[in-house]
C-alpha atoms as a PDB file:
ATOM      1  CA  UNK A   1     127.117  68.422 -29.604  1.00  0.00           C
ATOM      2  CA  UNK A   2     130.462  69.012 -27.781  1.00  0.00           C
ATOM      3  CA  UNK A   3     129.150  71.491 -25.219  1.00  0.00           C
ATOM      4  CA  UNK A   4     130.010  70.264 -21.657  1.00  0.00           C
ATOM      5  CA  UNK A   5     127.504  70.203 -18.837  1.00  0.00           C
ATOM      6  CA  UNK A   6     127.959  73.100 -16.620  1.00  0.00           C
ATOM      7  CA  UNK A   7     128.601  72.020 -12.963  1.00  0.00           C
ATOM      8  CA  UNK A   8     127.855  74.043  -9.885  1.00  0.00           C
ATOM      9  CA  UNK A   9     130.858  75.822  -8.354  1.00  0.00           C
ATOM     10  CA  UNK A  10     130.759  74.134  -4.977  1.00  0.00           C
ATOM     11  CA  UNK A  11     128.556  72.187  -2.510  1.00  0.00           C
ATOM     12  CA  UNK A  12     128.596  72.968   1.197  1.00  0.00           C
ATOM     13  CA  UNK A  13     128.413  70.036   3.577  1.00  0.00           C
ATOM     14  CA  UNK A  14     126.035  70.318   6.436  1.00  0.00           C
ATOM     15  CA  UNK A  15     127.706  71.011   9.669  1.00  0.00           C
ATOM     16  CA  UNK A  16     125.793  69.952  12.810  1.00  0.00           C
ATOM     17  CA  UNK A  17     128.457  71.653  15.001  1.00  0.00           C
ATOM     18  CA  UNK A  18     127.471  75.068  13.558  1.00  0.00           C
ATOM     19  CA  UNK A  19     123.789  75.446  14.370  1.00  0.00           C
ATOM     20  CA  UNK A  20     121.822  78.500  13.107  1.00  0.00           C
ATOM     21  CA  UNK A  21     118.503  77.641  14.588  1.00  0.00           C
ATOM     22  CA  UNK A  22     118.115  75.644  17.779  1.00  0.00           C
ATOM     23  CA  UNK A  23     114.637  74.584  16.728  1.00  0.00           C
ATOM     24  CA  UNK A  24     116.012  72.579  13.798  1.00  0.00           C
ATOM     25  CA  UNK A  25     118.093  70.479  16.298  1.00  0.00           C
ATOM     26  CA  UNK A  26     115.328  70.261  18.760  1.00  0.00           C
ATOM     27  CA  UNK A  27     112.887  68.786  16.068  1.00  0.00           C
ATOM     28  CA  UNK A  28     115.539  66.550  14.491  1.00  0.00           C
ATOM     29  CA  UNK A  29     116.349  65.028  17.906  1.00  0.00           C
ATOM     30  CA  UNK A  30     112.685  64.478  18.637  1.00  0.00           C
ATOM     31  CA  UNK A  31     112.054  62.829  15.366  1.00  0.00           C
ATOM     32  CA  UNK A  32     115.085  60.504  15.781  1.00  0.00           C
ATOM     33  CA  UNK A  33     114.016  59.548  19.316  1.00  0.00           C
ATOM     34  CA  UNK A  34     110.424  58.838  18.104  1.00  0.00           C
ATOM     35  CA  UNK A  35     111.577  56.532  15.346  1.00  0.00           C
ATOM     36  CA  UNK A  36     109.591  53.297  14.973  1.00  0.00           C
ATOM     37  CA  UNK A  37     108.673  50.699  12.366  1.00  0.00           C
ATOM     38  CA  UNK A  38     105.237  48.961  11.861  1.00  0.00           C
ATOM     39  CA  UNK A  39     106.750  45.499  12.090  1.00  0.00           C
ATOM     40  CA  UNK A  40     107.287  46.114  15.818  1.00  0.00           C
ATOM     41  CA  UNK A  41     103.602  46.451  16.457  1.00  0.00           C
ATOM     42  CA  UNK A  42     101.699  43.081  17.073  1.00  0.00           C
ATOM     43  CA  UNK A  43      98.881  43.794  14.635  1.00  0.00           C
ATOM     44  CA  UNK A  44      97.905  40.141  14.449  1.00  0.00           C
ATOM     45  CA  UNK A  45      96.427  40.413  17.914  1.00  0.00           C
ATOM     46  CA  UNK A  46      93.582  42.375  16.225  1.00  0.00           C
ATOM     47  CA  UNK A  47      92.406  39.591  13.987  1.00  0.00           C
ATOM     48  CA  UNK A  48      89.876  38.377  16.502  1.00  0.00           C
ATOM     49  CA  UNK A  49      88.296  41.783  17.061  1.00  0.00           C
ATOM     50  CA  UNK A  50      88.399  42.531  13.293  1.00  0.00           C
ATOM     51  CA  UNK A  51      86.050  39.552  12.745  1.00  0.00           C
ATOM     52  CA  UNK A  52      83.474  41.044  15.067  1.00  0.00           C
ATOM     53  CA  UNK A  53      83.068  44.090  12.723  1.00  0.00           C
ATOM     54  CA  UNK A  54      80.268  44.041  10.157  1.00  0.00           C
ATOM     55  CA  UNK A  55      81.084  44.104   6.457  1.00  0.00           C
ATOM     56  CA  UNK A  56      80.177  47.832   6.281  1.00  0.00           C
ATOM     57  CA  UNK A  57      82.395  48.622   9.234  1.00  0.00           C
ATOM     58  CA  UNK A  58      85.286  46.813   7.723  1.00  0.00           C
ATOM     59  CA  UNK A  59      84.813  48.630   4.332  1.00  0.00           C
ATOM     60  CA  UNK A  60      84.610  51.974   6.226  1.00  0.00           C
ATOM     61  CA  UNK A  61      87.742  51.228   8.126  1.00  0.00           C
ATOM     62  CA  UNK A  62      89.714  50.128   5.078  1.00  0.00           C
ATOM     63  CA  UNK A  63      88.638  53.176   3.077  1.00  0.00           C
ATOM     64  CA  UNK A  64      89.666  55.536   5.968  1.00  0.00           C
ATOM     65  CA  UNK A  65      93.034  53.927   6.063  1.00  0.00           C
ATOM     66  CA  UNK A  66      93.351  53.982   2.257  1.00  0.00           C
ATOM     67  CA  UNK A  67      92.586  57.739   2.321  1.00  0.00           C
ATOM     68  CA  UNK A  68      95.348  58.233   4.976  1.00  0.00           C
ATOM     69  CA  UNK A  69      97.680  56.201   2.842  1.00  0.00           C
ATOM     70  CA  UNK A  70      97.091  58.577  -0.041  1.00  0.00           C
ATOM     71  CA  UNK A  71      97.766  61.777   2.093  1.00  0.00           C
ATOM     72  CA  UNK A  72     100.898  60.131   3.498  1.00  0.00           C
ATOM     73  CA  UNK A  73     102.138  59.245  -0.011  1.00  0.00           C
ATOM     74  CA  UNK A  74     101.632  62.843  -1.069  1.00  0.00           C
ATOM     75  CA  UNK A  75     103.397  64.243   1.961  1.00  0.00           C
ATOM     76  CA  UNK A  76     106.259  61.741   1.740  1.00  0.00           C
ATOM     77  CA  UNK A  77     107.049  62.066  -1.957  1.00  0.00           C
ATOM     78  CA  UNK A  78     105.865  65.566  -2.845  1.00  0.00           C
ATOM     79  CA  UNK A  79     104.857  67.711   0.126  1.00  0.00           C
ATOM     80  CA  UNK A  80     107.861  67.568   2.514  1.00  0.00           C
ATOM     81  CA  UNK A  81     110.201  67.472  -0.468  1.00  0.00           C
ATOM     82  CA  UNK A  82     108.702  70.612  -1.893  1.00  0.00           C
ATOM     83  CA  UNK A  83     109.555  72.576   1.121  1.00  0.00           C
ATOM     84  CA  UNK A  84     113.324  71.811   0.882  1.00  0.00           C
ATOM     85  CA  UNK A  85     114.203  74.456  -1.833  1.00  0.00           C
ATOM     86  CA  UNK A  86     112.818  77.275   0.462  1.00  0.00           C
ATOM     87  CA  UNK A  87     114.683  76.057   3.548  1.00  0.00           C
ATOM     88  CA  UNK A  88     116.830  78.755   5.171  1.00  0.00           C
ATOM     89  CA  UNK A  89     119.452  76.436   6.780  1.00  0.00           C
ATOM     90  CA  UNK A  90     120.803  73.046   5.835  1.00  0.00           C
ATOM     91  CA  UNK A  91     119.445  71.687   9.163  1.00  0.00           C
ATOM     92  CA  UNK A  92     116.013  72.690   8.142  1.00  0.00           C
ATOM     93  CA  UNK A  93     116.543  70.689   4.896  1.00  0.00           C
ATOM     94  CA  UNK A  94     117.635  67.726   7.007  1.00  0.00           C
ATOM     95  CA  UNK A  95     114.473  67.870   9.055  1.00  0.00           C
ATOM     96  CA  UNK A  96     112.314  67.803   5.880  1.00  0.00           C
ATOM     97  CA  UNK A  97     114.112  64.710   4.633  1.00  0.00           C
ATOM     98  CA  UNK A  98     113.382  63.004   7.968  1.00  0.00           C
ATOM     99  CA  UNK A  99     109.738  64.024   7.809  1.00  0.00           C
ATOM    100  CA  UNK A 100     109.460  62.729   4.249  1.00  0.00           C
ATOM    101  CA  UNK A 101     110.939  59.339   5.248  1.00  0.00           C
ATOM    102  CA  UNK A 102     108.655  58.934   8.231  1.00  0.00           C
ATOM    103  CA  UNK A 103     105.588  59.837   6.053  1.00  0.00           C
ATOM    104  CA  UNK A 104     106.650  56.909   3.839  1.00  0.00           C
ATOM    105  CA  UNK A 105     106.895  54.739   6.968  1.00  0.00           C
ATOM    106  CA  UNK A 106     103.291  55.814   7.820  1.00  0.00           C
ATOM    107  CA  UNK A 107     102.107  54.880   4.402  1.00  0.00           C
ATOM    108  CA  UNK A 108     103.625  51.492   4.731  1.00  0.00           C
ATOM    109  CA  UNK A 109     102.117  51.026   8.136  1.00  0.00           C
ATOM    110  CA  UNK A 110      98.588  50.980   6.630  1.00  0.00           C
ATOM    111  CA  UNK A 111      99.626  48.345   4.240  1.00  0.00           C
ATOM    112  CA  UNK A 112     100.876  46.269   7.238  1.00  0.00           C
ATOM    113  CA  UNK A 113      97.377  46.653   8.735  1.00  0.00           C
ATOM    114  CA  UNK A 114      95.765  45.557   5.449  1.00  0.00           C
ATOM    115  CA  UNK A 115      98.002  42.549   5.015  1.00  0.00           C
ATOM    116  CA  UNK A 116      97.359  41.418   8.559  1.00  0.00           C
ATOM    117  CA  UNK A 117      93.483  41.768   8.608  1.00  0.00           C
ATOM    118  CA  UNK A 118      92.327  41.731   4.962  1.00  0.00           C
ATOM    119  CA  UNK A 119      92.292  39.506   1.944  1.00  0.00           C
ATOM    120  CA  UNK A 120      94.163  40.440  -1.308  1.00  0.00           C
ATOM    121  CA  UNK A 121      90.859  41.090  -3.016  1.00  0.00           C
ATOM    122  CA  UNK A 122      89.679  43.392  -0.281  1.00  0.00           C
ATOM    123  CA  UNK A 123      92.973  45.320  -0.306  1.00  0.00           C
ATOM    124  CA  UNK A 124      92.838  45.802  -4.203  1.00  0.00           C
ATOM    125  CA  UNK A 125      89.175  46.973  -3.896  1.00  0.00           C
ATOM    126  CA  UNK A 126      90.166  49.638  -1.244  1.00  0.00           C
ATOM    127  CA  UNK A 127      92.994  51.030  -3.421  1.00  0.00           C
ATOM    128  CA  UNK A 128      90.812  51.003  -6.433  1.00  0.00           C
ATOM    129  CA  UNK A 129      88.249  52.988  -4.517  1.00  0.00           C
ATOM    130  CA  UNK A 130      90.887  55.646  -3.616  1.00  0.00           C
ATOM    131  CA  UNK A 131      91.629  56.222  -7.252  1.00  0.00           C
ATOM    132  CA  UNK A 132      87.911  56.318  -8.353  1.00  0.00           C
ATOM    133  CA  UNK A 133      86.476  58.308  -5.459  1.00  0.00           C
ATOM    134  CA  UNK A 134      86.078  61.889  -6.787  1.00  0.00           C
ATOM    135  CA  UNK A 135      86.022  63.536  -3.303  1.00  0.00           C
ATOM    136  CA  UNK A 136      89.218  61.926  -2.122  1.00  0.00           C
ATOM    137  CA  UNK A 137      90.963  62.775  -5.440  1.00  0.00           C
ATOM    138  CA  UNK A 138      89.729  66.376  -5.279  1.00  0.00           C
ATOM    139  CA  UNK A 139      91.192  66.765  -1.762  1.00  0.00           C
ATOM    140  CA  UNK A 140      94.454  65.365  -3.070  1.00  0.00           C
ATOM    141  CA  UNK A 141      94.443  67.648  -6.099  1.00  0.00           C
ATOM    142  CA  UNK A 142      93.930  70.697  -3.970  1.00  0.00           C
ATOM    143  CA  UNK A 143      96.974  69.985  -1.850  1.00  0.00           C
ATOM    144  CA  UNK A 144      99.053  68.945  -4.805  1.00  0.00           C
ATOM    145  CA  UNK A 145      98.262  72.256  -6.573  1.00  0.00           C
ATOM    146  CA  UNK A 146      99.668  74.268  -3.706  1.00  0.00           C
ATOM    147  CA  UNK A 147     102.709  72.019  -3.483  1.00  0.00           C
ATOM    148  CA  UNK A 148     103.460  72.446  -7.188  1.00  0.00           C
ATOM    149  CA  UNK A 149     102.714  76.107  -7.186  1.00  0.00           C
ATOM    150  CA  UNK A 150     105.269  78.925  -6.986  1.00  0.00           C
ATOM    151  CA  UNK A 151     104.276  80.525  -3.642  1.00  0.00           C
ATOM    152  CA  UNK A 152     106.456  79.150  -0.795  1.00  0.00           C
ATOM    153  CA  UNK A 153     104.160  80.516   2.000  1.00  0.00           C
ATOM    154  CA  UNK A 154     101.172  78.775   0.566  1.00  0.00           C
ATOM    155  CA  UNK A 155     103.142  75.542   0.250  1.00  0.00           C
ATOM    156  CA  UNK A 156     104.007  75.741   4.002  1.00  0.00           C
ATOM    157  CA  UNK A 157     100.387  76.499   4.890  1.00  0.00           C
ATOM    158  CA  UNK A 158      99.060  73.597   2.889  1.00  0.00           C
ATOM    159  CA  UNK A 159     101.648  71.323   4.563  1.00  0.00           C
ATOM    160  CA  UNK A 160     100.489  72.526   7.904  1.00  0.00           C
ATOM    161  CA  UNK A 161      96.828  71.834   7.214  1.00  0.00           C
ATOM    162  CA  UNK A 162      97.589  68.452   5.772  1.00  0.00           C
ATOM    163  CA  UNK A 163      99.715  67.402   8.804  1.00  0.00           C
ATOM    164  CA  UNK A 164      96.903  68.608  11.148  1.00  0.00           C
ATOM    165  CA  UNK A 165      93.225  68.434  10.404  1.00  0.00           C
ATOM    166  CA  UNK A 166      93.403  66.361   7.209  1.00  0.00           C
ATOM    167  CA  UNK A 167      95.291  63.515   9.025  1.00  0.00           C
ATOM    168  CA  UNK A 168      93.554  63.918  12.307  1.00  0.00           C
ATOM    169  CA  UNK A 169      90.084  63.688  10.909  1.00  0.00           C
ATOM    170  CA  UNK A 170      91.013  60.228   9.666  1.00  0.00           C
ATOM    171  CA  UNK A 171      92.477  59.142  12.982  1.00  0.00           C
ATOM    172  CA  UNK A 172      89.054  59.422  14.635  1.00  0.00           C
ATOM    173  CA  UNK A 173      87.732  56.021  13.487  1.00  0.00           C
ATOM    174  CA  UNK A 174      90.579  53.820  14.868  1.00  0.00           C
ATOM    175  CA  UNK A 175      90.406  55.742  18.135  1.00  0.00           C
ATOM    176  CA  UNK A 176      86.635  55.052  18.250  1.00  0.00           C
ATOM    177  CA  UNK A 177      87.220  51.392  17.762  1.00  0.00           C
ATOM    178  CA  UNK A 178      89.890  51.386  20.491  1.00  0.00           C
ATOM    179  CA  UNK A 179      87.538  52.978  22.937  1.00  0.00           C
ATOM    180  CA  UNK A 180      85.285  49.996  22.426  1.00  0.00           C
ATOM    181  CA  UNK A 181      88.111  47.518  22.892  1.00  0.00           C
ATOM    182  CA  UNK A 182      88.351  46.806  19.187  1.00  0.00           C
ATOM    183  CA  UNK A 183      91.530  46.947  17.006  1.00  0.00           C
ATOM    184  CA  UNK A 184      93.489  48.061  20.005  1.00  0.00           C
ATOM    185  CA  UNK A 185      96.953  47.155  18.577  1.00  0.00           C
ATOM    186  CA  UNK A 186      96.006  48.997  15.444  1.00  0.00           C
ATOM    187  CA  UNK A 187      95.131  52.001  17.519  1.00  0.00           C
ATOM    188  CA  UNK A 188      98.617  51.763  19.191  1.00  0.00           C
ATOM    189  CA  UNK A 189     100.127  52.000  15.781  1.00  0.00           C
ATOM    190  CA  UNK A 190      97.955  54.995  14.922  1.00  0.00           C
ATOM    191  CA  UNK A 191      99.128  56.672  18.174  1.00  0.00           C
ATOM    192  CA  UNK A 192     102.649  56.313  17.067  1.00  0.00           C
ATOM    193  CA  UNK A 193     101.714  58.101  13.803  1.00  0.00           C
ATOM    194  CA  UNK A 194      99.903  60.758  15.762  1.00  0.00           C
ATOM    195  CA  UNK A 195     103.007  61.370  17.845  1.00  0.00           C
ATOM    196  CA  UNK A 196     104.973  61.916  14.645  1.00  0.00           C
ATOM    197  CA  UNK A 197     102.385  64.140  13.071  1.00  0.00           C
ATOM    198  CA  UNK A 198     102.248  66.357  16.197  1.00  0.00           C
ATOM    199  CA  UNK A 199     105.943  67.101  15.736  1.00  0.00           C
ATOM    200  CA  UNK A 200     105.627  67.617  11.989  1.00  0.00           C
ATOM    201  CA  UNK A 201     102.635  69.932  12.569  1.00  0.00           C
ATOM    202  CA  UNK A 202     104.571  71.831  15.174  1.00  0.00           C
ATOM    203  CA  UNK A 203     107.630  72.340  12.952  1.00  0.00           C
ATOM    204  CA  UNK A 204     105.538  73.348   9.887  1.00  0.00           C
ATOM    205  CA  UNK A 205     103.664  75.973  11.971  1.00  0.00           C
ATOM    206  CA  UNK A 206     107.100  77.443  13.083  1.00  0.00           C
ATOM    207  CA  UNK A 207     108.028  77.813   9.398  1.00  0.00           C
ATOM    208  CA  UNK A 208     104.793  79.355   8.456  1.00  0.00           C
ATOM    209  CA  UNK A 209     105.123  81.913  11.302  1.00  0.00           C
ATOM    210  CA  UNK A 210     108.716  82.645  10.299  1.00  0.00           C
ATOM    211  CA  UNK A 211     107.905  83.115   6.592  1.00  0.00           C
ATOM    212  CA  UNK A 212     104.914  85.227   7.421  1.00  0.00           C
ATOM    213  CA  UNK A 213     106.884  87.472   9.708  1.00  0.00           C
ATOM    214  CA  UNK A 214     109.576  87.789   7.004  1.00  0.00           C
ATOM    215  CA  UNK A 215     107.000  88.682   4.382  1.00  0.00           C
ATOM    216  CA  UNK A 216     105.373  91.225   6.687  1.00  0.00           C
ATOM    217  CA  UNK A 217     108.844  92.937   7.317  1.00  0.00           C
ATOM    218  CA  UNK A 218     109.356  93.032   3.537  1.00  0.00           C
ATOM    219  CA  UNK A 219     105.946  94.695   2.963  1.00  0.00           C
ATOM    220  CA  UNK A 220     106.652  97.185   5.792  1.00  0.00           C
ATOM    221  CA  UNK A 221     110.041  98.086   4.286  1.00  0.00           C
ATOM    222  CA  UNK A 222     108.465  98.571   0.901  1.00  0.00           C
ATOM    223  CA  UNK A 223     105.705 100.735   2.324  1.00  0.00           C
ATOM    224  CA  UNK A 224     108.248 102.840   4.184  1.00  0.00           C
ATOM    225  CA  UNK A 225     110.166 103.455   0.937  1.00  0.00           C
ATOM    226  CA  UNK A 226     107.030 104.525  -0.926  1.00  0.00           C
ATOM    227  CA  UNK A 227     105.433 106.670   1.893  1.00  0.00           C
ATOM    228  CA  UNK A 228     107.026 110.050   2.694  1.00  0.00           C
ATOM    229  CA  UNK A 229     106.246 109.991   6.439  1.00  0.00           C
ATOM    230  CA  UNK A 230     106.514 107.377   9.098  1.00  0.00           C
ATOM    231  CA  UNK A 231     103.595 105.179   9.857  1.00  0.00           C
ATOM    232  CA  UNK A 232     101.542 107.556  11.906  1.00  0.00           C
ATOM    233  CA  UNK A 233      97.845 108.445  12.135  1.00  0.00           C
ATOM    234  CA  UNK A 234      96.066 111.336  13.618  1.00  0.00           C
ATOM    235  CA  UNK A 235      95.550 109.488  16.893  1.00  0.00           C
ATOM    236  CA  UNK A 236      98.677 107.225  17.293  1.00  0.00           C
ATOM    237  CA  UNK A 237     102.331 107.209  16.759  1.00  0.00           C
ATOM    238  CA  UNK A 238     104.102 103.894  16.300  1.00  0.00           C
ATOM    239  CA  UNK A 239     107.651 103.245  17.339  1.00  0.00           C
ATOM    240  CA  UNK A 240     109.094 100.067  15.793  1.00  0.00           C
ATOM    241  CA  UNK A 241     112.571  98.731  16.755  1.00  0.00           C
ATOM    242  CA  UNK A 242     113.894  95.596  15.050  1.00  0.00           C
ATOM    243  CA  UNK A 243     116.303  93.304  16.897  1.00  0.00           C
ATOM    244  CA  UNK A 244     119.381  92.783  14.835  1.00  0.00           C
ATOM    245  CA  UNK A 245     120.217  89.118  14.274  1.00  0.00           C
ATOM    246  CA  UNK A 246     123.455  88.075  15.845  1.00  0.00           C
ATOM    247  CA  UNK A 247     126.087  86.874  13.501  1.00  0.00           C
ATOM    248  CA  UNK A 248     126.896  83.956  15.783  1.00  0.00           C
ATOM    249  CA  UNK A 249     125.849  80.525  14.489  1.00  0.00           C
ATOM    250  CA  UNK A 250     123.654  79.891  17.492  1.00  0.00           C
ATOM    251  CA  UNK A 251     121.032  82.538  16.334  1.00  0.00           C
ATOM    252  CA  UNK A 252     118.862  82.017  13.334  1.00  0.00           C
ATOM    253  CA  UNK A 253     117.805  84.705  10.881  1.00  0.00           C
ATOM    254  CA  UNK A 254     114.355  82.984  11.069  1.00  0.00           C
ATOM    255  CA  UNK A 255     113.975  83.892  14.723  1.00  0.00           C
ATOM    256  CA  UNK A 256     114.446  87.692  14.159  1.00  0.00           C
ATOM    257  CA  UNK A 257     111.403  89.547  15.258  1.00  0.00           C
ATOM    258  CA  UNK A 258     110.130  93.076  15.088  1.00  0.00           C
ATOM    259  CA  UNK A 259     108.843  94.523  18.325  1.00  0.00           C
ATOM    260  CA  UNK A 260     106.567  97.515  17.979  1.00  0.00           C
ATOM    261  CA  UNK A 261     104.871  99.588  20.631  1.00  0.00           C
ATOM    262  CA  UNK A 262     102.050 102.094  20.073  1.00  0.00           C
ATOM    263  CA  UNK A 263     101.955 105.321  22.032  1.00  0.00           C
ATOM    264  CA  UNK A 264      98.713 107.434  21.954  1.00  0.00           C
ATOM    265  CA  UNK A 265      99.214 111.189  21.187  1.00  0.00           C
ATOM    266  CA  UNK A 266      97.988 113.225  24.039  1.00  0.00           C
ATOM    267  CA  UNK A 267      95.849 116.245  22.968  1.00  0.00           C
ATOM    268  CA  UNK A 268      95.965 119.402  24.887  1.00  0.00           C
END
């Protein structure tokens, strides 16, 4: 076959001097300023307190961390990456790549905890459990189905839920041990992860809100085209005015909002 591969016409480089949404820069800067690596946390200081845990407590802790590792793996290799095609600005794309990288750092952090506190056999058993446990796998499958689906809004919502309560429910146990003066350095590492996830969740919620507002405007526009009269009822009349988005680079199309006021009809 002599047919040549068709190349795209052009590729636009990201320009950080032309910002369309200030939130992209705000979140990017926060993520960069928060950057850390697990090697900087003295996890070996927890070896003594780890020895005071019972075998069941050790197993529980390892399984909690293995479950978190699985979620971080999903978010770093599939979740954050799946949001890039629906990004509105190149800076939003850059934020997602940053998030994906830090999720991989989080996943590696748990391995650092394991290698410091556990034996090779215990580590292998924990990861084997993560594959064989049907409940953990079902949780992962539900999230993956949304990430691989064809509905952008649901992908964003799934990402927000993962970055919030799915992660935070796993953070309870290390915080519990820390409150009892056990695994305190491990808890310090978890706090660094929590700090990252707070920013990730904040940014994801912004994108969900923006996407939902955009979808609502599209539905309203479609409804107005199919309905002969304005959106009025026998008791109220609604006036809606939409702010036009500025064409200057400092204002984002994502931040456009519709402001509606409802005025009751006075009856004589």
